[in-house]
Amino acid sequence: MKKIQIAALSILFITAFSCKQNKKEEKTEEQTEEMASAYSIVQDSTSVNFTAYKTTDKVPVGGTFKEVELKYSAGETPMETLNGLEFSIPVSSLFTNDPTEVRDPKIIEFFFEKMAETQTITGTFMFSEDKSCSVKLSMNGVTTDLPMEYEIMDDNQVNFSGVMDLKQWDALNALASLHEACEILHTGPDGVSKTWEEVAINASVLLEQK
């Protein structure tokens, strides 16, 4: 009788241990799946480009910022990762590929250095429940929303586009300063010199699952 009881207890112990082991293995698998679905930003994959315009014909003048600092938390989807992403762009990293190397320092001196805060442009990406996107952008001591369109590509690259109206950041005095410095260069065939208030913004970032 005692042998039967001992055998029965052994079976119960083995069964209970096996169940606990299976639960532990299931939990480990779930944690692994969660970790595998987390999206992070590929280092040095971020690009921020801008297009300003001159003359009445609206001739584009393109440029980029070569340095972008990011702060974010990995999420289970690209949108979760990008929602709340904070960025900081040093103005000194501006680059317009001007062979004369005159344009970049001129933009910094006559535009950015005429603003209240000249060192960095900062912002935070925000996604709403309807999946619309905007950036709470800070420049010239002013913080306001910049609506952005976005597209998530098959390779998890996310492209953003938007148009800044410089008067929303109280930057028209800085724009006037730049226009005065570039008045001749911004004069078109009609003899009119014009520097547009609109600046197109295009940015992209590459995500990966870990």
Protein backbone atom coordinates (compact mmCIF):
# COMPACT_ATOMS: atom_id res chain seq x y z
CA MET A 1 0.00 0.00 0.00
CA LYS A 2 2.83 2.39 0.93
CA LYS A 3 4.59 1.61 -2.34
CA ILE A 4 1.44 2.57 -4.27
CA GLN A 5 1.14 5.87 -2.36
CA ILE A 6 4.81 6.71 -2.97
CA ALA A 7 4.42 5.93 -6.67
CA ALA A 8 1.30 8.10 -6.87
CA LEU A 9 3.08 11.00 -5.16
CA SER A 10 6.02 10.66 -7.53
CA ILE A 11 3.71 10.85 -10.55
CA LEU A 12 1.99 13.97 -9.14
CA PHE A 13 5.36 15.61 -8.46
CA ILE A 14 6.65 14.87 -11.96
CA THR A 15 3.38 16.11 -13.54
CA ALA A 16 3.43 19.34 -11.53
CA PHE A 17 7.10 19.96 -12.37
CA SER A 18 6.43 19.36 -16.06
CA CYS A 19 3.51 21.82 -16.06
CA LYS A 20 5.63 24.50 -14.39
CA GLN A 21 8.43 23.86 -16.86
CA ASN A 22 6.02 24.13 -19.83
CA LYS A 23 4.59 27.40 -18.49
CA LYS A 24 8.10 28.74 -18.03
CA GLU A 25 9.00 27.76 -21.59
CA GLU A 26 5.77 29.34 -22.93
CA LYS A 27 6.53 32.58 -21.07
CA THR A 28 10.07 32.63 -22.45
CA GLU A 29 8.73 32.16 -25.98
CA GLU A 30 6.24 35.02 -25.48
CA GLN A 31 9.01 37.30 -24.19
CA THR A 32 11.18 36.36 -27.18
CA GLU A 33 8.33 37.19 -29.58
CA GLU A 34 7.82 40.57 -27.88
CA MET A 35 11.52 41.36 -28.14
CA ALA A 36 11.56 40.28 -31.78
CA SER A 37 8.68 42.62 -32.63
CA ALA A 38 10.30 45.72 -31.12
CA TYR A 39 11.24 48.38 -33.68
CA SER A 40 14.31 50.55 -33.28
CA ILE A 41 15.93 53.17 -35.50
CA VAL A 42 18.94 52.16 -37.56
CA GLN A 43 21.88 54.28 -36.46
CA ASP A 44 22.86 57.08 -38.87
CA SER A 45 19.86 56.34 -41.12
CA THR A 46 18.07 59.62 -40.43
CA SER A 47 18.06 62.36 -43.06
CA VAL A 48 16.52 65.84 -42.87
CA ASN A 49 16.37 67.89 -46.06
CA PHE A 50 14.86 71.27 -46.85
CA THR A 51 13.99 73.22 -49.99
CA ALA A 52 13.78 77.01 -49.89
CA TYR A 53 12.72 79.14 -52.86
CA LYS A 54 13.95 82.32 -54.54
CA THR A 55 12.80 84.66 -57.40
CA THR A 56 9.21 85.01 -58.55
CA ASP A 57 9.70 81.80 -60.56
CA LYS A 58 10.12 79.98 -57.23
CA VAL A 59 13.51 78.49 -58.04
CA PRO A 60 14.34 75.79 -55.45
CA VAL A 61 17.46 75.90 -53.30
CA GLY A 62 18.00 72.60 -51.51
CA GLY A 63 19.97 71.70 -48.43
CA THR A 64 20.29 69.23 -45.59
CA PHE A 65 21.37 68.97 -41.98
CA LYS A 66 24.20 66.52 -41.53
CA GLU A 67 23.65 65.95 -37.80
CA VAL A 68 20.42 64.84 -36.12
CA GLU A 69 20.26 63.68 -32.52
CA LEU A 70 17.34 61.38 -31.59
CA LYS A 71 15.70 60.26 -28.37
CA TYR A 72 12.96 57.61 -28.48
CA SER A 73 11.59 54.37 -27.02
CA ALA A 74 11.31 51.17 -29.07
CA GLY A 75 7.74 50.08 -29.82
CA GLU A 76 5.90 47.10 -31.26
CA THR A 77 5.05 49.03 -34.45
CA PRO A 78 6.84 51.73 -36.44
CA MET A 79 4.27 54.30 -35.31
CA GLU A 80 4.71 53.38 -31.64
CA THR A 81 8.45 53.84 -32.00
CA LEU A 82 8.14 57.19 -33.77
CA ASN A 83 5.35 58.57 -31.59
CA GLY A 84 7.01 60.85 -29.06
CA LEU A 85 10.37 60.73 -30.80
CA GLU A 86 12.42 63.83 -29.89
CA PHE A 87 15.06 65.30 -32.17
CA SER A 88 17.65 68.02 -31.97
CA ILE A 89 19.36 69.49 -35.04
CA PRO A 90 22.50 71.63 -34.67
CA VAL A 91 22.18 74.59 -37.03
CA SER A 92 25.92 74.42 -37.62
CA SER A 93 25.42 71.10 -39.48
CA LEU A 94 23.61 72.87 -42.35
CA PHE A 95 24.94 71.86 -45.78
CA THR A 96 23.73 73.08 -49.20
CA ASN A 97 26.50 71.62 -51.38
CA ASP A 98 27.51 75.09 -52.55
CA PRO A 99 30.83 74.77 -54.44
CA THR A 100 31.79 78.34 -53.49
CA GLU A 101 31.27 77.53 -49.78
CA VAL A 102 29.68 80.96 -49.36
CA ARG A 103 25.99 80.09 -49.07
CA ASP A 104 26.10 77.99 -45.87
CA PRO A 105 27.83 80.55 -43.60
CA LYS A 106 25.62 83.28 -45.12
CA ILE A 107 22.43 81.40 -44.20
CA ILE A 108 23.71 80.82 -40.67
CA GLU A 109 24.84 84.43 -40.19
CA PHE A 110 21.96 86.29 -41.81
CA PHE A 111 19.09 83.91 -41.01
CA PHE A 112 19.65 81.65 -38.00
CA GLU A 113 21.82 84.07 -36.04
CA LYS A 114 19.08 86.70 -36.33
CA MET A 115 16.74 84.47 -34.32
CA ALA A 116 16.21 84.37 -30.57
CA GLU A 117 17.69 80.87 -30.30
CA THR A 118 20.27 80.00 -32.94
CA GLN A 119 22.07 76.85 -31.82
CA THR A 120 19.52 74.10 -32.44
CA ILE A 121 16.16 73.26 -33.95
CA THR A 122 14.21 70.82 -31.79
CA GLY A 123 10.97 68.94 -32.12
CA THR A 124 8.77 66.01 -31.09
CA PHE A 125 6.83 63.72 -33.43
CA MET A 126 3.20 63.16 -32.48
CA PHE A 127 0.75 60.65 -34.00
CA SER A 128 -2.96 61.00 -33.23
CA GLU A 129 -5.62 58.27 -33.06
CA ASP A 130 -6.61 58.92 -36.69
CA LYS A 131 -2.95 58.22 -37.63
CA SER A 132 -2.27 61.82 -38.67
CA CYS A 133 1.20 63.12 -37.86
CA SER A 134 2.63 66.43 -36.77
CA VAL A 135 5.86 67.75 -35.31
CA LYS A 136 5.86 70.11 -32.35
CA LEU A 137 8.72 72.18 -33.74
CA SER A 138 10.72 74.74 -31.77
CA MET A 139 12.68 77.44 -33.56
CA ASN A 140 13.38 81.12 -32.83
CA GLY A 141 11.96 80.68 -29.32
CA VAL A 142 8.59 79.65 -30.78
CA THR A 143 7.01 76.19 -30.54
CA THR A 144 4.16 75.30 -32.86
CA ASP A 145 2.79 72.30 -34.77
CA LEU A 146 4.01 71.41 -38.23
CA PRO A 147 1.61 68.97 -39.98
CA MET A 148 3.48 66.15 -41.73
CA GLU A 149 2.49 63.53 -44.28
CA TYR A 150 4.22 60.18 -43.98
CA GLU A 151 4.59 56.86 -45.77
CA ILE A 152 5.87 53.57 -44.34
CA MET A 153 7.70 51.59 -47.02
CA ASP A 154 8.01 47.80 -47.27
CA ASP A 155 11.59 47.91 -45.98
CA ASN A 156 10.42 49.88 -42.89
CA GLN A 157 11.78 53.15 -44.16
CA VAL A 158 9.47 55.99 -43.14
CA ASN A 159 9.35 59.13 -45.30
CA PHE A 160 7.97 62.43 -44.03
CA SER A 161 7.08 65.64 -45.87
CA GLY A 162 5.66 68.99 -44.84
CA VAL A 163 5.81 72.72 -45.56
CA MET A 164 6.91 75.33 -43.04
CA ASP A 165 5.42 78.81 -43.16
CA LEU A 166 8.19 80.84 -41.53
CA LYS A 167 5.84 83.46 -40.14
CA GLN A 168 4.41 80.82 -37.77
CA TRP A 169 7.82 80.81 -36.06
CA ASP A 170 8.11 84.62 -36.12
CA ALA A 171 11.01 84.24 -38.54
CA LEU A 172 10.08 86.89 -41.10
CA ASN A 173 12.62 89.39 -39.74
CA ALA A 174 15.33 86.76 -40.07
CA LEU A 175 14.07 86.01 -43.59
CA ALA A 176 14.20 89.72 -44.46
CA SER A 177 17.80 89.81 -43.23
CA LEU A 178 18.72 86.88 -45.46
CA HIS A 179 16.88 88.39 -48.41
CA GLU A 180 18.80 91.64 -48.06
CA ALA A 181 22.10 89.75 -47.99
CA CYS A 182 21.10 87.75 -51.08
CA GLU A 183 19.04 90.37 -52.92
CA ILE A 184 20.97 90.22 -56.20
CA LEU A 185 21.15 86.42 -56.22
CA HIS A 186 17.40 86.24 -55.57
CA THR A 187 16.53 88.48 -58.51
CA GLY A 188 14.88 86.74 -61.45
CA PRO A 189 14.62 87.57 -65.17
CA ASP A 190 11.72 89.91 -64.38
CA GLY A 191 14.03 92.08 -62.29
CA VAL A 192 12.16 91.28 -59.06
CA SER A 193 14.02 89.99 -56.03
CA LYS A 194 12.03 87.58 -53.88
CA THR A 195 12.71 85.11 -51.06
CA TRP A 196 9.73 82.89 -50.26
CA GLU A 197 8.30 82.35 -46.78
CA GLU A 198 7.64 78.67 -47.51
CA VAL A 199 10.23 75.98 -46.86
CA ALA A 200 9.55 72.37 -47.84
CA ILE A 201 10.77 69.75 -45.37
CA ASN A 202 11.53 66.13 -46.25
CA ALA A 203 12.87 63.59 -43.78
CA SER A 204 13.34 59.85 -43.62
CA VAL A 205 14.32 57.24 -41.07
CA LEU A 206 14.95 53.51 -41.31
CA LEU A 207 13.57 51.11 -38.72
CA GLU A 208 14.58 47.55 -37.90
CA GLN A 209 13.13 44.79 -35.74
CA LYS A 210 15.22 43.37 -32.93
